[in-house]
Amino acid sequence: MDQAASPSDSPSGQRFPVVVVGAGPAGLTVGNILRAAGLDCLVLEAETREFVERRPRAGVIEERAVRGLERRGLARNLLERAELHTACEFRFDGERYRFPYQELTGSHHWVYPQPLLVTDLVREYADVRGGRIRFGVRDVRLHDLDGDRPSVSYVCPETGRRQAVGCDFVAGCDGARGVTRTFVAPERARVARHDYGIGWLALLAEAPPSADCVLFGCHPDGFAGQMPRSPEVTRYYLQCPPGDDPDDWPHERVWAQLRRRLGAAGAAPPTEGPLIEKRVLDMHDYVTEPMAFGRLFLAGDAAHLVAPIAAKGMNLALHDAFLLGDALAARLTKGDGGELAGYSAACLRRVWDYQEFSQWLSELYHGAAAKDPFRAGTTLARLRRLFTSPSAAAAFAEQYLGTAARY
C-alpha cells in the first residue's frame, strides 16, 4: 500500500496529536496516559464496544504490569476483584509438584480476564477522561508516515464516507491481524518468525477449577493446562496437532484427555462442565524490528506475537503501552523526544527475553510428548531440576513472573 497517498473524500479536517489504532489493552492504555497528560487523541477500533468488552482473552497479569496500571490510575477494579495467585503446580511422572513462587520471590500474579480490563480501560478513557473513540470503523489507512503531517483515514460506519484525521503520531495497537503492521514496508523491517509445530486446543468450561492454582500437565500424550478464571469458569488447554479441527474434540474426548494428562497421585480430577469455547491455536511467534517507522509506533501484537505458552502476550502489550504513552506525552508536552527515540530498543529487550523464555518453557511442556526418548529424558531432568535446585527454581521464578531488575 502507498503510505504517501493522500486521503480523499475527506470533509472532516480533524486533527489530534495522536491517533491510536486499536482499542485493546495497549491502545487504551496509551490513550489513558495521553488523556492524563492533558492531550487529545483519537482511538479507532474496527469492532463494537460490546465486542471488545466481551472478547475472550488471557487473564494472567504480572505484578509489574499491575503496578504500572496502578500508578496511572487504571487498576482500581483490578485490585478489588482480581484473584491473587502465589503458586503453580506441575504434574509429571504421575506426581504433583507445587512451585510456590511467592515464597521464593515475594512476587505473585493476578488473574483478571482481559475483557474485564478492557472494560475498565474503555470506561476510564471514554467516560471518565473524555477521550475520543470511534468504534466500528472500516478500511483504516495510514498516510505520510515519514512526513511532518501524517494522517489516518477510515470509512465511517454511519455515513459510509471516508474520513481523514491529521495527527503528529500514530500508535499502532491493533494486534496481529490489524492494519498498522501491514503498512510497514518489508525493506524497512526485519520480521523474525518461529513456528513450534504444535497446536493447543483452547477450551473455556463452565466448571470450577479442580485446584487453587494454575496446573501444567507434562504428559507423554501431550501437554495439558488448567488456568482458573473465576469460581465458575476455567480455562483449559490440550496439546494437539497444528490445524486440528475443534469438532474432532467432542465433550467426552476432551474430558478424558484432561483427566489423563492432569492426573497425578492424590489429585482431584477436573470438574466437568459445558464447553462454552473451543478453538485451536497454532503455536508461533514473530518479532518486528524496529517497532518505530517514521511517525508510526507499533505496540503489543502489532509488533510482536508471543505464543500463549508463557502467558506473556498481554503483559508485553502493557509494558509497550507504558513506554509508548509516557514517551509520547514527554514529546508532546515537554518537547523531549529522547524516550520516543529509544522506545523500540527499550521494548525489544524485554520482548526477546520473553520469547526466549517461551521457547524454553515449550520444551518443558511438550518434550515428554515428542516421541523421542532422548528429548523425553532431558525434559524430565529439566523438570526435576526445578524442584531440586534452588538456583534453577529462582531463575524460573524470575522469568515466569517477569521480575528481572533490567532487560
Protein backbone atom coordinates (compact mmCIF):
# COMPACT_ATOMS: atom_id res chain seq x y z
CA MET A 1 0.00 0.00 0.00
CA ASP A 2 1.12 3.52 -0.75
CA GLN A 3 1.88 5.24 2.54
CA ALA A 4 2.33 8.59 0.80
CA ALA A 5 -1.08 8.62 -0.86
CA SER A 6 -3.30 11.43 0.38
CA PRO A 7 -6.74 10.59 1.75
CA SER A 8 -9.66 11.53 -0.44
CA ASP A 9 -13.33 12.29 0.17
CA SER A 10 -12.44 13.93 3.49
CA PRO A 11 -14.82 16.59 4.77
CA SER A 12 -13.78 16.43 8.41
CA GLY A 13 -10.37 18.08 8.64
CA GLN A 14 -9.99 16.91 12.24
CA ARG A 15 -6.60 16.87 13.89
CA PHE A 16 -5.30 15.17 17.05
CA PRO A 17 -1.77 14.96 18.44
CA VAL A 18 -2.02 11.16 18.40
CA VAL A 19 -4.27 8.69 16.61
CA VAL A 20 -4.33 5.27 18.29
CA VAL A 21 -5.42 2.38 16.08
CA GLY A 22 -6.88 -0.44 18.17
CA ALA A 23 -8.88 -0.50 21.42
CA GLY A 24 -7.20 -3.39 23.18
CA PRO A 25 -5.14 -3.20 26.37
CA ALA A 26 -2.21 -1.49 24.62
CA GLY A 27 -4.18 1.12 22.69
CA LEU A 28 -6.47 2.02 25.58
CA THR A 29 -3.55 2.28 28.00
CA VAL A 30 -1.73 4.65 25.63
CA GLY A 31 -4.92 6.68 25.26
CA ASN A 32 -5.42 6.91 29.01
CA ILE A 33 -1.83 8.03 29.58
CA LEU A 34 -2.22 10.77 26.98
CA ARG A 35 -5.52 11.97 28.45
CA ALA A 36 -3.95 12.09 31.94
CA ALA A 37 -1.27 14.36 30.45
CA GLY A 38 -3.95 16.70 29.11
CA LEU A 39 -3.50 15.59 25.50
CA ASP A 40 -6.25 14.93 22.98
CA CYS A 41 -6.14 11.74 21.00
CA LEU A 42 -8.47 9.61 18.91
CA VAL A 43 -8.79 5.84 19.27
CA LEU A 44 -10.06 3.94 16.21
CA GLU A 45 -11.45 0.42 16.61
CA ALA A 46 -12.88 -1.90 13.96
CA GLU A 47 -15.18 -3.76 16.35
CA THR A 48 -18.05 -2.53 18.51
CA ARG A 49 -17.63 -1.55 22.15
CA GLU A 50 -19.70 -4.54 23.22
CA PHE A 51 -17.43 -6.89 21.25
CA VAL A 52 -14.12 -5.65 22.68
CA GLU A 53 -15.55 -5.73 26.21
CA ARG A 54 -16.55 -9.38 25.83
CA ARG A 55 -13.85 -10.83 23.57
CA PRO A 56 -12.36 -13.82 25.46
CA ARG A 57 -8.64 -13.47 26.06
CA ALA A 58 -5.99 -14.39 28.61
CA GLY A 59 -6.03 -13.09 32.14
CA VAL A 60 -2.66 -13.67 33.83
CA ILE A 61 -1.12 -10.29 34.69
CA GLU A 62 2.34 -9.77 36.15
CA GLU A 63 2.76 -7.74 39.30
CA ARG A 64 4.94 -5.22 37.46
CA ALA A 65 2.19 -4.65 34.89
CA VAL A 66 -0.42 -4.22 37.62
CA ARG A 67 1.78 -1.69 39.44
CA GLY A 68 2.22 0.18 36.17
CA LEU A 69 -1.56 0.37 35.76
CA GLU A 70 -1.96 1.38 39.39
CA ARG A 71 0.50 4.28 39.07
CA ARG A 72 -1.57 5.58 36.18
CA GLY A 73 -4.90 5.29 37.98
CA LEU A 74 -6.04 2.32 35.89
CA ALA A 75 -6.11 -0.59 38.35
CA ARG A 76 -8.83 0.18 40.90
CA ASN A 77 -11.29 -2.52 39.79
CA LEU A 78 -8.49 -4.97 39.08
CA LEU A 79 -7.07 -4.68 42.59
CA GLU A 80 -10.54 -5.06 44.12
CA ARG A 81 -11.72 -8.01 42.01
CA ALA A 82 -8.76 -9.95 40.64
CA GLU A 83 -7.62 -13.26 42.07
CA LEU A 84 -4.11 -13.27 43.52
CA HIS A 85 -2.03 -16.32 42.60
CA THR A 86 1.08 -17.26 44.56
CA ALA A 87 1.96 -20.72 43.23
CA CYS A 88 1.60 -23.05 40.28
CA GLU A 89 1.71 -26.81 40.08
CA PHE A 90 3.48 -29.15 37.68
CA ARG A 91 2.25 -32.68 37.16
CA PHE A 92 4.58 -35.21 35.60
CA ASP A 93 5.59 -38.82 36.10
CA GLY A 94 2.29 -39.39 37.92
CA GLU A 95 3.16 -36.95 40.75
CA ARG A 96 2.29 -33.39 41.82
CA TYR A 97 4.96 -30.73 42.31
CA ARG A 98 3.84 -27.39 43.73
CA PHE A 99 6.00 -24.39 42.85
CA PRO A 100 5.45 -21.64 45.49
CA TYR A 101 6.87 -18.70 43.59
CA GLN A 102 5.75 -16.06 46.07
CA GLU A 103 7.72 -17.78 48.82
CA LEU A 104 10.78 -17.75 46.58
CA THR A 105 10.49 -14.19 45.25
CA GLY A 106 7.94 -12.21 47.25
CA SER A 107 6.05 -11.61 43.99
CA HIS A 108 2.84 -13.03 42.60
CA HIS A 109 0.44 -12.96 39.66
CA TRP A 110 -3.07 -11.61 39.34
CA VAL A 111 -5.75 -13.36 37.31
CA TYR A 112 -8.12 -10.81 35.78
CA PRO A 113 -9.68 -11.73 32.42
CA GLN A 114 -8.73 -9.35 29.65
CA PRO A 115 -12.37 -8.43 28.81
CA LEU A 116 -12.74 -7.02 32.32
CA LEU A 117 -9.53 -5.00 31.98
CA VAL A 118 -10.60 -3.68 28.57
CA THR A 119 -13.99 -2.71 30.01
CA ASP A 120 -12.23 -0.78 32.79
CA LEU A 121 -9.87 0.94 30.35
CA VAL A 122 -12.64 1.91 27.91
CA ARG A 123 -14.73 3.37 30.71
CA GLU A 124 -11.81 5.33 32.13
CA TYR A 125 -10.72 6.63 28.73
CA ALA A 126 -14.08 7.49 27.19
CA ASP A 127 -16.46 8.03 30.09
CA VAL A 128 -14.17 9.46 32.80
CA ARG A 129 -11.28 11.14 30.99
CA GLY A 130 -13.34 12.28 27.99
CA GLY A 131 -11.22 10.62 25.33
CA ARG A 132 -12.49 10.38 21.76
CA ILE A 133 -13.06 6.89 20.38
CA ARG A 134 -14.73 5.60 17.22
CA PHE A 135 -15.97 2.02 17.14
CA GLY A 136 -16.89 0.04 14.02
CA VAL A 137 -14.59 1.91 11.63
CA ARG A 138 -13.63 0.21 8.37
CA ASP A 139 -10.71 0.26 5.93
CA VAL A 140 -8.24 2.19 8.08
CA ARG A 141 -5.34 3.63 6.07
CA LEU A 142 -2.19 5.46 7.10
CA HIS A 143 -0.75 8.37 5.12
CA ASP A 144 2.52 10.32 5.00
CA LEU A 145 4.13 8.46 7.88
CA ASP A 146 7.56 9.82 7.00
CA GLY A 147 6.44 13.44 6.80
CA ASP A 148 5.72 16.09 9.41
CA ARG A 149 1.96 15.85 8.96
CA PRO A 150 0.85 12.22 8.91
CA SER A 151 -2.82 11.32 8.82
CA VAL A 152 -5.14 8.38 9.23
CA SER A 153 -8.29 7.82 7.22
CA TYR A 154 -11.15 5.40 7.69
CA VAL A 155 -14.64 4.67 6.44
CA CYS A 156 -17.24 5.99 8.85
CA PRO A 157 -19.73 3.26 9.86
CA GLU A 158 -22.66 5.71 9.96
CA THR A 159 -22.16 7.53 6.65
CA GLY A 160 -20.06 5.11 4.61
CA ARG A 161 -17.79 8.04 3.69
CA ARG A 162 -14.05 8.20 4.16
CA GLN A 163 -12.95 10.48 6.99
CA ALA A 164 -9.40 11.79 7.44
CA VAL A 165 -7.74 12.77 10.69
CA GLY A 166 -4.45 14.65 10.83
CA CYS A 167 -2.02 13.91 13.64
CA ASP A 168 1.56 14.17 14.81
CA PHE A 169 1.99 10.48 15.63
CA VAL A 170 0.21 7.16 15.05
CA ALA A 171 0.19 4.39 17.67
CA GLY A 172 -0.38 1.02 16.01
CA CYS A 173 -2.03 -1.15 18.67
CA ASP A 174 -4.43 -3.21 16.55
CA GLY A 175 -2.97 -6.67 17.03
CA ALA A 176 -1.60 -9.43 14.87
CA ARG A 177 -4.36 -9.16 12.26
CA GLY A 178 -4.58 -5.38 12.31
CA VAL A 179 -3.76 -2.96 9.53
CA THR A 180 -0.92 -0.91 11.01
CA ARG A 181 1.73 -3.63 10.75
CA THR A 182 0.85 -4.10 7.05
CA PHE A 183 1.87 -0.50 6.34
CA VAL A 184 5.50 -1.19 7.21
CA ALA A 185 7.46 -1.73 4.01
CA PRO A 186 9.36 -5.07 4.06
CA GLU A 187 12.68 -3.39 3.28
CA ARG A 188 12.37 -1.27 6.44
CA ALA A 189 11.74 -4.05 8.94
CA ARG A 190 13.09 -7.42 9.90
CA VAL A 191 10.35 -9.83 10.90
CA ALA A 192 11.74 -12.85 12.73
CA ARG A 193 9.34 -15.80 12.93
CA HIS A 194 9.25 -19.12 14.77
CA ASP A 195 6.77 -21.99 14.45
CA TYR A 196 6.61 -24.56 17.25
CA GLY A 197 4.93 -27.16 15.04
CA ILE A 198 2.22 -27.83 17.63
CA GLY A 199 -1.30 -26.69 18.38
CA TRP A 200 -3.23 -26.03 21.56
CA LEU A 201 -6.92 -26.75 21.85
CA ALA A 202 -8.15 -23.77 23.88
CA LEU A 203 -11.21 -24.53 25.98
CA LEU A 204 -13.43 -22.50 28.27
CA ALA A 205 -15.56 -24.58 30.59
CA GLU A 206 -18.47 -23.61 32.79
CA ALA A 207 -16.99 -25.52 35.69
CA PRO A 208 -14.98 -24.66 38.81
CA PRO A 209 -11.22 -25.32 38.74
CA SER A 210 -10.03 -28.54 40.35
CA ALA A 211 -7.14 -26.79 42.12
CA ASP A 212 -6.46 -23.34 43.55
CA CYS A 213 -3.67 -22.54 41.09
CA VAL A 214 -2.51 -22.92 37.50
CA LEU A 215 -1.74 -26.54 36.57
CA PHE A 216 0.79 -27.71 33.99
CA GLY A 217 0.47 -31.35 32.94
CA CYS A 218 3.62 -32.59 31.14
CA HIS A 219 2.48 -35.96 29.79
CA PRO A 220 3.62 -38.37 27.04
CA ASP A 221 0.22 -37.89 25.38
CA GLY A 222 0.76 -34.13 25.24
CA PHE A 223 0.62 -31.03 27.39
CA ALA A 224 -2.49 -30.02 29.36
CA GLY A 225 -3.05 -26.83 31.31
CA GLN A 226 -5.64 -25.52 33.72
CA MET A 227 -5.93 -21.76 34.26
CA PRO A 228 -8.61 -20.68 36.78
CA ARG A 229 -10.63 -17.72 35.55
CA SER A 230 -13.31 -17.48 38.22
CA PRO A 231 -15.04 -19.75 40.74
CA GLU A 232 -17.45 -20.77 37.95
CA VAL A 233 -15.28 -20.72 34.79
CA THR A 234 -12.00 -22.47 33.97
CA ARG A 235 -9.65 -22.18 31.01
CA TYR A 236 -8.08 -25.43 29.79
CA TYR A 237 -5.51 -26.19 27.10
CA LEU A 238 -4.73 -29.50 25.39
CA GLN A 239 -1.80 -30.03 23.06
CA CYS A 240 -2.95 -31.18 19.64
CA PRO A 241 -1.68 -31.24 16.05
CA PRO A 242 -1.50 -27.78 14.44
CA GLY A 243 -4.55 -27.03 12.36
CA ASP A 244 -6.63 -29.65 14.16
CA ASP A 245 -10.40 -29.37 13.83
CA PRO A 246 -12.09 -28.43 17.13
CA ASP A 247 -15.06 -30.56 16.07
CA ASP A 248 -12.81 -33.61 16.37
CA TRP A 249 -12.75 -32.95 20.13
CA PRO A 250 -16.23 -33.79 21.46
CA HIS A 251 -17.08 -33.38 25.14
CA GLU A 252 -16.17 -36.95 26.09
CA ARG A 253 -12.76 -36.87 24.41
CA VAL A 254 -11.84 -33.52 25.92
CA TRP A 255 -12.60 -34.54 29.49
CA ALA A 256 -10.99 -37.96 29.12
CA GLN A 257 -7.74 -36.34 27.94
CA LEU A 258 -7.84 -33.69 30.67
CA ARG A 259 -8.26 -36.39 33.31
CA ARG A 260 -5.42 -38.40 31.83
CA ARG A 261 -2.90 -35.61 31.24
CA LEU A 262 -3.58 -33.77 34.52
CA GLY A 263 -3.86 -36.95 36.55
CA ALA A 264 -1.47 -37.36 39.49
CA ALA A 265 -1.35 -39.19 42.82
CA GLY A 266 -3.77 -37.61 45.28
CA ALA A 267 -5.07 -35.06 42.75
CA ALA A 268 -8.76 -34.38 42.24
CA PRO A 269 -9.88 -34.93 38.63
CA PRO A 270 -11.08 -31.93 36.64
CA THR A 271 -14.70 -31.00 37.30
CA GLU A 272 -16.68 -31.47 34.12
CA GLY A 273 -18.95 -28.79 32.73
CA PRO A 274 -20.26 -27.42 29.42
CA LEU A 275 -17.56 -26.27 26.98
CA ILE A 276 -18.52 -22.72 26.01
CA GLU A 277 -15.44 -22.10 23.84
CA LYS A 278 -13.38 -24.48 21.76
CA ARG A 279 -10.74 -23.37 19.24
CA VAL A 280 -7.30 -24.49 18.07
CA LEU A 281 -4.32 -22.14 18.41
CA ASP A 282 -1.25 -22.85 16.29
CA MET A 283 1.80 -22.02 18.39
CA HIS A 284 4.04 -19.49 16.67
CA ASP A 285 5.94 -16.27 17.41
CA TYR A 286 7.14 -13.24 15.49
CA VAL A 287 9.07 -10.09 16.29
CA THR A 288 9.18 -6.95 14.14
CA GLU A 289 12.34 -4.88 14.39
CA PRO A 290 12.35 -1.97 14.81
CA MET A 291 8.95 -1.07 16.30
CA ALA A 292 9.04 2.52 15.01
CA PHE A 293 8.77 3.75 11.41
CA GLY A 294 8.69 7.50 10.84
CA ARG A 295 5.67 8.75 12.79
CA LEU A 296 4.27 5.22 13.36
CA PHE A 297 4.98 3.35 16.59
CA LEU A 298 3.83 -0.25 17.00
CA ALA A 299 2.87 -1.81 20.33
CA GLY A 300 1.65 -5.20 21.51
CA ASP A 301 0.76 -7.88 18.98
CA ALA A 302 1.04 -5.39 16.14
CA ALA A 303 4.80 -5.50 16.77
CA HIS A 304 5.38 -8.95 18.21
CA LEU A 305 3.46 -12.11 18.94
CA VAL A 306 4.48 -14.49 21.68
CA ALA A 307 2.63 -17.79 21.82
CA PRO A 308 0.42 -18.23 24.93
CA ILE A 309 2.86 -20.84 26.24
CA ALA A 310 4.23 -18.44 28.88
CA ALA A 311 1.15 -16.16 29.26
CA LYS A 312 3.22 -13.12 28.29
CA GLY A 313 1.23 -11.53 25.45
CA MET A 314 -0.95 -9.10 27.40
CA ASN A 315 1.92 -8.30 29.75
CA LEU A 316 4.19 -7.35 26.85
CA ALA A 317 1.40 -5.22 25.36
CA LEU A 318 1.00 -3.32 28.64
CA HIS A 319 4.75 -2.78 29.06
CA ASP A 320 4.94 -1.44 25.49
CA ALA A 321 2.00 0.86 26.19
CA PHE A 322 3.56 2.28 29.36
CA LEU A 323 6.74 3.14 27.47
CA LEU A 324 4.96 4.48 24.40
CA GLY A 325 2.36 6.53 26.29
CA ASP A 326 4.97 8.11 28.56
CA ALA A 327 7.29 8.80 25.61
CA LEU A 328 4.56 10.44 23.53
CA ALA A 329 3.46 12.54 26.50
CA ALA A 330 7.03 13.71 27.11
CA ARG A 331 7.47 14.61 23.44
CA LEU A 332 4.16 16.46 23.11
CA THR A 333 4.12 18.30 26.45
CA LYS A 334 7.82 18.98 27.03
CA GLY A 335 9.39 18.67 23.60
CA ASP A 336 11.58 15.88 24.98
CA GLY A 337 11.96 13.24 22.27
CA GLY A 338 14.60 11.10 23.96
CA GLU A 339 12.22 8.44 25.27
CA LEU A 340 10.43 8.23 21.94
CA ALA A 341 13.72 7.77 20.09
CA GLY A 342 14.65 4.92 22.43
CA TYR A 343 11.19 3.33 22.53
CA SER A 344 11.81 0.46 20.12
CA ALA A 345 15.13 -0.63 21.64
CA ALA A 346 13.74 -0.46 25.18
CA CYS A 347 10.73 -2.63 24.28
CA LEU A 348 12.66 -5.19 22.28
CA ARG A 349 14.98 -6.11 25.14
CA ARG A 350 12.01 -7.40 27.12
CA VAL A 351 10.34 -8.87 24.03
CA TRP A 352 13.32 -11.05 23.18
CA ASP A 353 13.74 -12.12 26.79
CA TYR A 354 10.12 -13.28 26.91
CA GLN A 355 10.43 -15.01 23.53
CA GLU A 356 13.44 -16.96 24.79
CA PHE A 357 11.54 -17.98 27.92
CA SER A 358 8.57 -19.09 25.82
CA GLN A 359 10.87 -21.37 23.77
CA TRP A 360 12.46 -22.79 26.92
CA LEU A 361 9.08 -23.39 28.55
CA SER A 362 7.75 -25.04 25.39
CA GLU A 363 10.37 -27.75 25.71
CA LEU A 364 9.40 -28.22 29.35
CA TYR A 365 5.73 -28.59 28.44
CA HIS A 366 5.98 -30.55 25.22
CA GLY A 367 9.24 -32.52 25.33
CA ALA A 368 7.65 -35.54 27.01
CA ALA A 369 5.26 -35.93 24.06
CA ALA A 370 7.91 -35.61 21.34
CA LYS A 371 8.13 -39.40 20.77
CA ASP A 372 11.88 -39.03 21.10
CA PRO A 373 13.34 -40.92 24.11
CA PHE A 374 16.29 -38.52 24.35
CA ARG A 375 14.08 -35.41 24.44
CA ALA A 376 11.74 -37.08 26.90
CA GLY A 377 14.66 -37.91 29.18
CA THR A 378 16.17 -34.42 29.10
CA THR A 379 12.74 -32.87 29.64
CA LEU A 380 12.21 -34.97 32.73
CA ALA A 381 15.65 -33.94 34.01
CA ARG A 382 14.78 -30.28 33.46
CA LEU A 383 11.50 -30.66 35.33
CA ARG A 384 13.14 -32.41 38.26
CA ARG A 385 15.82 -29.73 38.48
CA LEU A 386 13.16 -27.09 39.21
CA PHE A 387 12.36 -28.93 42.42
CA THR A 388 15.86 -29.97 43.49
CA SER A 389 17.99 -26.91 42.66
CA PRO A 390 17.28 -23.58 44.40
CA SER A 391 19.23 -21.78 41.69
CA ALA A 392 17.14 -23.33 38.91
CA ALA A 393 13.94 -22.56 40.82
CA ALA A 394 14.96 -18.92 41.35
CA ALA A 395 15.82 -18.46 37.67
CA PHE A 396 12.50 -19.96 36.56
CA ALA A 397 10.53 -17.82 39.02
CA GLU A 398 12.21 -14.64 37.83
CA GLN A 399 11.33 -15.34 34.20
CA TYR A 400 7.86 -16.67 34.96
CA LEU A 401 6.98 -13.56 36.97
CA GLY A 402 8.90 -11.04 34.86
CA THR A 403 10.77 -9.63 37.86
CA ALA A 404 14.24 -9.13 36.41
CA ALA A 405 15.70 -5.80 37.52
CA ARG A 406 16.80 -4.99 33.99
CA TYR A 407 16.06 -6.25 30.48
